[in-house]
Amino acid sequence: MTATFLDALKQTAAAAEKAEADFRRDFAARVKALEQERAFAFRRLNFMRAVAGVIASAESEELAVASARATLQEKLGWGTDSEARAEVLTHFSAVARAAFASLAPPEAEAEEADVGQALADFESWYAETRKSSFWALFEQHVAEFPVVDF
C-alpha cells in the first residue's frame, strides 16, 4: 500500500517537473521571439529614418530612389554588385518611391503613398524569396581591421 502511495507522489512530482520545464522552454522561446521583434523594429526605424533623411533632400523621385538605394547599399556594406543584390534594390525602389511621395509638399501632384504598406510588401517579398527576414541582413558584422600607419 505504501508503494502505491509513493508511486502516485512520484508521478505527481514528475508531472510538475515536466510542466515547469515546458513552461521554461516556452517562456524562453517567447522571450527570444519578442527580442527579435524588438530588434527588427528598431532596425526598421533607424534604417527608414536614414532613408527618409536622404529622400527629403532629393529634388526628384529619380534622385530620391537612387539616394535610398545607395543608403541601403551603404548600411549593408554592399560594395559590390550581384544579381541577388540588384533584385533587392529593385524591389526596395517601391519603398523609396512611396517615401518620396509621402514627403512631397501637399500642393505637389503626388499620388497618395502608404510607406508602411510598401515596406511591409517589400519585407514580405524578401521573406518569401530569401526564406529569412530582410532585417537579419543587418546582423552581419563586418570585421574591423586596425589602422596601421607606415
C-alpha atoms as a PDB file:
ATOM      1  CA  MET A   1       0.000   0.000   0.000  1.00  0.00           C
ATOM      2  CA  THR A   2       2.868   2.378   0.800  1.00  0.00           C
ATOM      3  CA  ALA A   3       4.479   1.719  -2.572  1.00  0.00           C
ATOM      4  CA  THR A   4       1.290   2.722  -4.402  1.00  0.00           C
ATOM      5  CA  PHE A   5       1.079   5.956  -2.404  1.00  0.00           C
ATOM      6  CA  LEU A   6       4.741   6.770  -3.102  1.00  0.00           C
ATOM      7  CA  ASP A   7       4.320   5.923  -6.799  1.00  0.00           C
ATOM      8  CA  ALA A   8       1.437   8.393  -7.016  1.00  0.00           C
ATOM      9  CA  LEU A   9       3.535  11.103  -5.352  1.00  0.00           C
ATOM     10  CA  LYS A  10       6.430  10.318  -7.696  1.00  0.00           C
ATOM     11  CA  GLN A  11       4.144  10.673 -10.731  1.00  0.00           C
ATOM     12  CA  THR A  12       2.818  13.983  -9.403  1.00  0.00           C
ATOM     13  CA  ALA A  13       6.353  15.265  -8.865  1.00  0.00           C
ATOM     14  CA  ALA A  14       7.416  14.148 -12.369  1.00  0.00           C
ATOM     15  CA  ALA A  15       4.365  15.846 -13.895  1.00  0.00           C
ATOM     16  CA  ALA A  16       5.155  19.070 -12.013  1.00  0.00           C
ATOM     17  CA  GLU A  17       8.778  18.896 -13.152  1.00  0.00           C
ATOM     18  CA  LYS A  18       7.684  18.388 -16.775  1.00  0.00           C
ATOM     19  CA  ALA A  19       5.180  21.259 -16.549  1.00  0.00           C
ATOM     20  CA  GLU A  20       7.913  23.567 -15.228  1.00  0.00           C
ATOM     21  CA  ALA A  21      10.375  22.501 -17.940  1.00  0.00           C
ATOM     22  CA  ASP A  22       7.721  23.009 -20.644  1.00  0.00           C
ATOM     23  CA  PHE A  23       6.889  26.436 -19.260  1.00  0.00           C
ATOM     24  CA  ARG A  24      10.557  27.460 -19.122  1.00  0.00           C
ATOM     25  CA  ARG A  25      11.111  26.269 -22.708  1.00  0.00           C
ATOM     26  CA  ASP A  26       8.008  28.107 -23.974  1.00  0.00           C
ATOM     27  CA  PHE A  27       8.925  31.204 -21.982  1.00  0.00           C
ATOM     28  CA  ALA A  28      12.475  31.241 -23.357  1.00  0.00           C
ATOM     29  CA  ALA A  29      11.178  30.850 -26.917  1.00  0.00           C
ATOM     30  CA  ARG A  30       8.671  33.674 -26.409  1.00  0.00           C
ATOM     31  CA  VAL A  31      11.354  35.979 -24.944  1.00  0.00           C
ATOM     32  CA  LYS A  32      13.626  35.200 -27.891  1.00  0.00           C
ATOM     33  CA  ALA A  33      10.821  35.967 -30.370  1.00  0.00           C
ATOM     34  CA  LEU A  34       9.996  39.257 -28.621  1.00  0.00           C
ATOM     35  CA  GLU A  35      13.679  40.170 -28.515  1.00  0.00           C
ATOM     36  CA  GLN A  36      13.993  39.617 -32.258  1.00  0.00           C
ATOM     37  CA  GLU A  37      10.770  41.535 -32.918  1.00  0.00           C
ATOM     38  CA  ARG A  38      12.114  44.485 -30.912  1.00  0.00           C
ATOM     39  CA  ALA A  39      15.494  44.386 -32.642  1.00  0.00           C
ATOM     40  CA  PHE A  40      13.867  44.302 -36.081  1.00  0.00           C
ATOM     41  CA  ALA A  41      11.505  47.152 -35.145  1.00  0.00           C
ATOM     42  CA  PHE A  42      14.446  49.364 -34.162  1.00  0.00           C
ATOM     43  CA  ARG A  43      16.417  48.346 -37.249  1.00  0.00           C
ATOM     44  CA  ARG A  44      13.384  49.235 -39.354  1.00  0.00           C
ATOM     45  CA  LEU A  45      13.021  52.609 -37.604  1.00  0.00           C
ATOM     46  CA  ASN A  46      16.689  53.542 -37.797  1.00  0.00           C
ATOM     47  CA  PHE A  47      17.082  52.431 -41.392  1.00  0.00           C
ATOM     48  CA  MET A  48      13.938  54.176 -42.593  1.00  0.00           C
ATOM     49  CA  ARG A  49      14.960  57.298 -40.671  1.00  0.00           C
ATOM     50  CA  ALA A  50      18.195  57.327 -42.692  1.00  0.00           C
ATOM     51  CA  VAL A  51      16.299  56.688 -45.925  1.00  0.00           C
ATOM     52  CA  ALA A  52      13.797  59.463 -45.161  1.00  0.00           C
ATOM     53  CA  GLY A  53      16.705  61.821 -44.494  1.00  0.00           C
ATOM     54  CA  VAL A  54      18.223  61.322 -47.934  1.00  0.00           C
ATOM     55  CA  ILE A  55      14.859  61.312 -49.678  1.00  0.00           C
ATOM     56  CA  ALA A  56      13.746  64.540 -48.027  1.00  0.00           C
ATOM     57  CA  SER A  57      16.546  66.463 -49.690  1.00  0.00           C
ATOM     58  CA  ALA A  58      16.063  64.880 -53.129  1.00  0.00           C
ATOM     59  CA  GLU A  59      14.794  67.161 -55.868  1.00  0.00           C
ATOM     60  CA  SER A  60      13.121  64.431 -57.884  1.00  0.00           C
ATOM     61  CA  GLU A  61      11.752  60.920 -57.458  1.00  0.00           C
ATOM     62  CA  GLU A  62      14.605  59.555 -59.552  1.00  0.00           C
ATOM     63  CA  LEU A  63      17.211  61.129 -57.259  1.00  0.00           C
ATOM     64  CA  ALA A  64      15.257  60.000 -54.195  1.00  0.00           C
ATOM     65  CA  VAL A  65      15.213  56.393 -55.362  1.00  0.00           C
ATOM     66  CA  ALA A  66      18.922  56.489 -56.229  1.00  0.00           C
ATOM     67  CA  SER A  67      19.769  58.006 -52.837  1.00  0.00           C
ATOM     68  CA  ALA A  68      17.630  55.478 -50.980  1.00  0.00           C
ATOM     69  CA  ARG A  69      19.234  52.606 -52.846  1.00  0.00           C
ATOM     70  CA  ALA A  70      22.707  53.995 -52.085  1.00  0.00           C
ATOM     71  CA  THR A  71      21.750  54.240 -48.411  1.00  0.00           C
ATOM     72  CA  LEU A  72      20.641  50.612 -48.440  1.00  0.00           C
ATOM     73  CA  GLN A  73      23.915  49.535 -50.029  1.00  0.00           C
ATOM     74  CA  GLU A  74      25.919  51.578 -47.536  1.00  0.00           C
ATOM     75  CA  LYS A  75      24.059  50.310 -44.475  1.00  0.00           C
ATOM     76  CA  LEU A  76      24.532  46.707 -45.572  1.00  0.00           C
ATOM     77  CA  GLY A  77      28.142  47.182 -46.628  1.00  0.00           C
ATOM     78  CA  TRP A  78      27.391  46.182 -50.207  1.00  0.00           C
ATOM     79  CA  GLY A  79      30.465  47.415 -52.013  1.00  0.00           C
ATOM     80  CA  THR A  80      29.989  45.120 -54.984  1.00  0.00           C
ATOM     81  CA  ASP A  81      27.024  44.285 -57.167  1.00  0.00           C
ATOM     82  CA  SER A  82      25.396  40.925 -57.725  1.00  0.00           C
ATOM     83  CA  GLU A  83      22.212  39.708 -59.330  1.00  0.00           C
ATOM     84  CA  ALA A  84      20.644  38.994 -55.929  1.00  0.00           C
ATOM     85  CA  ARG A  85      21.557  42.446 -54.604  1.00  0.00           C
ATOM     86  CA  ALA A  86      20.226  44.111 -57.759  1.00  0.00           C
ATOM     87  CA  GLU A  87      16.938  42.291 -57.261  1.00  0.00           C
ATOM     88  CA  VAL A  88      16.692  43.536 -53.669  1.00  0.00           C
ATOM     89  CA  LEU A  89      17.477  47.092 -54.755  1.00  0.00           C
ATOM     90  CA  THR A  90      14.857  46.922 -57.495  1.00  0.00           C
ATOM     91  CA  HIS A  91      12.164  45.780 -55.077  1.00  0.00           C
ATOM     92  CA  PHE A  92      13.249  48.333 -52.479  1.00  0.00           C
ATOM     93  CA  SER A  93      12.743  51.103 -55.040  1.00  0.00           C
ATOM     94  CA  ALA A  94       8.977  50.879 -54.453  1.00  0.00           C
ATOM     95  CA  VAL A  95       9.560  51.791 -50.805  1.00  0.00           C
ATOM     96  CA  ALA A  96      11.718  54.754 -51.837  1.00  0.00           C
ATOM     97  CA  ARG A  97       9.074  55.973 -54.300  1.00  0.00           C
ATOM     98  CA  ALA A  98       6.362  55.735 -51.633  1.00  0.00           C
ATOM     99  CA  ALA A  99       8.564  57.595 -49.130  1.00  0.00           C
ATOM    100  CA  PHE A 100       9.293  60.323 -51.683  1.00  0.00           C
ATOM    101  CA  ALA A 101       5.590  60.718 -52.440  1.00  0.00           C
ATOM    102  CA  SER A 102       4.735  60.852 -48.739  1.00  0.00           C
ATOM    103  CA  LEU A 103       7.303  63.612 -48.165  1.00  0.00           C
ATOM    104  CA  ALA A 104       6.125  65.692 -51.154  1.00  0.00           C
ATOM    105  CA  PRO A 105       4.557  69.038 -50.242  1.00  0.00           C
ATOM    106  CA  PRO A 106       0.746  68.990 -50.079  1.00  0.00           C
ATOM    107  CA  GLU A 107       0.434  71.221 -53.157  1.00  0.00           C
ATOM    108  CA  ALA A 108       2.518  68.790 -55.253  1.00  0.00           C
ATOM    109  CA  GLU A 109       0.693  66.491 -57.621  1.00  0.00           C
ATOM    110  CA  ALA A 110       1.946  63.321 -55.927  1.00  0.00           C
ATOM    111  CA  GLU A 111      -0.040  60.146 -55.501  1.00  0.00           C
ATOM    112  CA  GLU A 112      -1.109  59.143 -52.014  1.00  0.00           C
ATOM    113  CA  ALA A 113       1.580  56.812 -50.712  1.00  0.00           C
ATOM    114  CA  ASP A 114       1.494  54.319 -47.884  1.00  0.00           C
ATOM    115  CA  VAL A 115       5.130  53.878 -46.934  1.00  0.00           C
ATOM    116  CA  GLY A 116       4.274  51.364 -44.235  1.00  0.00           C
ATOM    117  CA  GLN A 117       2.444  49.167 -46.733  1.00  0.00           C
ATOM    118  CA  ALA A 118       5.220  49.496 -49.302  1.00  0.00           C
ATOM    119  CA  LEU A 119       7.766  48.486 -46.660  1.00  0.00           C
ATOM    120  CA  ALA A 120       5.586  45.580 -45.488  1.00  0.00           C
ATOM    121  CA  ASP A 121       5.220  44.399 -49.105  1.00  0.00           C
ATOM    122  CA  PHE A 122       8.993  44.602 -49.573  1.00  0.00           C
ATOM    123  CA  GLU A 123       9.618  42.673 -46.346  1.00  0.00           C
ATOM    124  CA  SER A 124       7.085  40.010 -47.379  1.00  0.00           C
ATOM    125  CA  TRP A 125       8.669  39.657 -50.805  1.00  0.00           C
ATOM    126  CA  TYR A 126      12.113  39.323 -49.233  1.00  0.00           C
ATOM    127  CA  ALA A 127      10.932  36.736 -46.683  1.00  0.00           C
ATOM    128  CA  GLU A 128       9.199  34.675 -49.376  1.00  0.00           C
ATOM    129  CA  THR A 129      12.115  34.716 -51.808  1.00  0.00           C
ATOM    130  CA  ARG A 130      15.030  34.532 -49.359  1.00  0.00           C
ATOM    131  CA  LYS A 131      13.392  32.484 -46.580  1.00  0.00           C
ATOM    132  CA  SER A 132      14.625  34.921 -43.946  1.00  0.00           C
ATOM    133  CA  SER A 133      13.866  38.385 -42.685  1.00  0.00           C
ATOM    134  CA  PHE A 134      15.352  41.346 -44.519  1.00  0.00           C
ATOM    135  CA  TRP A 135      16.314  42.791 -41.133  1.00  0.00           C
ATOM    136  CA  ALA A 136      18.534  39.784 -40.419  1.00  0.00           C
ATOM    137  CA  LEU A 137      20.909  41.201 -43.052  1.00  0.00           C
ATOM    138  CA  PHE A 138      21.796  43.915 -40.563  1.00  0.00           C
ATOM    139  CA  GLU A 139      23.210  41.263 -38.215  1.00  0.00           C
ATOM    140  CA  GLN A 140      26.185  40.697 -40.494  1.00  0.00           C
ATOM    141  CA  HIS A 141      29.155  42.030 -38.634  1.00  0.00           C
ATOM    142  CA  VAL A 142      31.973  43.491 -40.661  1.00  0.00           C
ATOM    143  CA  ALA A 143      35.353  42.745 -39.157  1.00  0.00           C
ATOM    144  CA  GLU A 144      37.203  45.878 -38.233  1.00  0.00           C
ATOM    145  CA  PHE A 145      40.861  45.994 -39.047  1.00  0.00           C
ATOM    146  CA  PRO A 146      43.300  48.134 -37.120  1.00  0.00           C
ATOM    147  CA  VAL A 147      44.635  51.128 -38.928  1.00  0.00           C
ATOM    148  CA  VAL A 148      48.350  50.802 -39.453  1.00  0.00           C
ATOM    149  CA  ASP A 149      50.343  53.863 -40.293  1.00  0.00           C
ATOM    150  CA  PHE A 150      53.514  53.164 -42.230  1.00  0.00           C
END
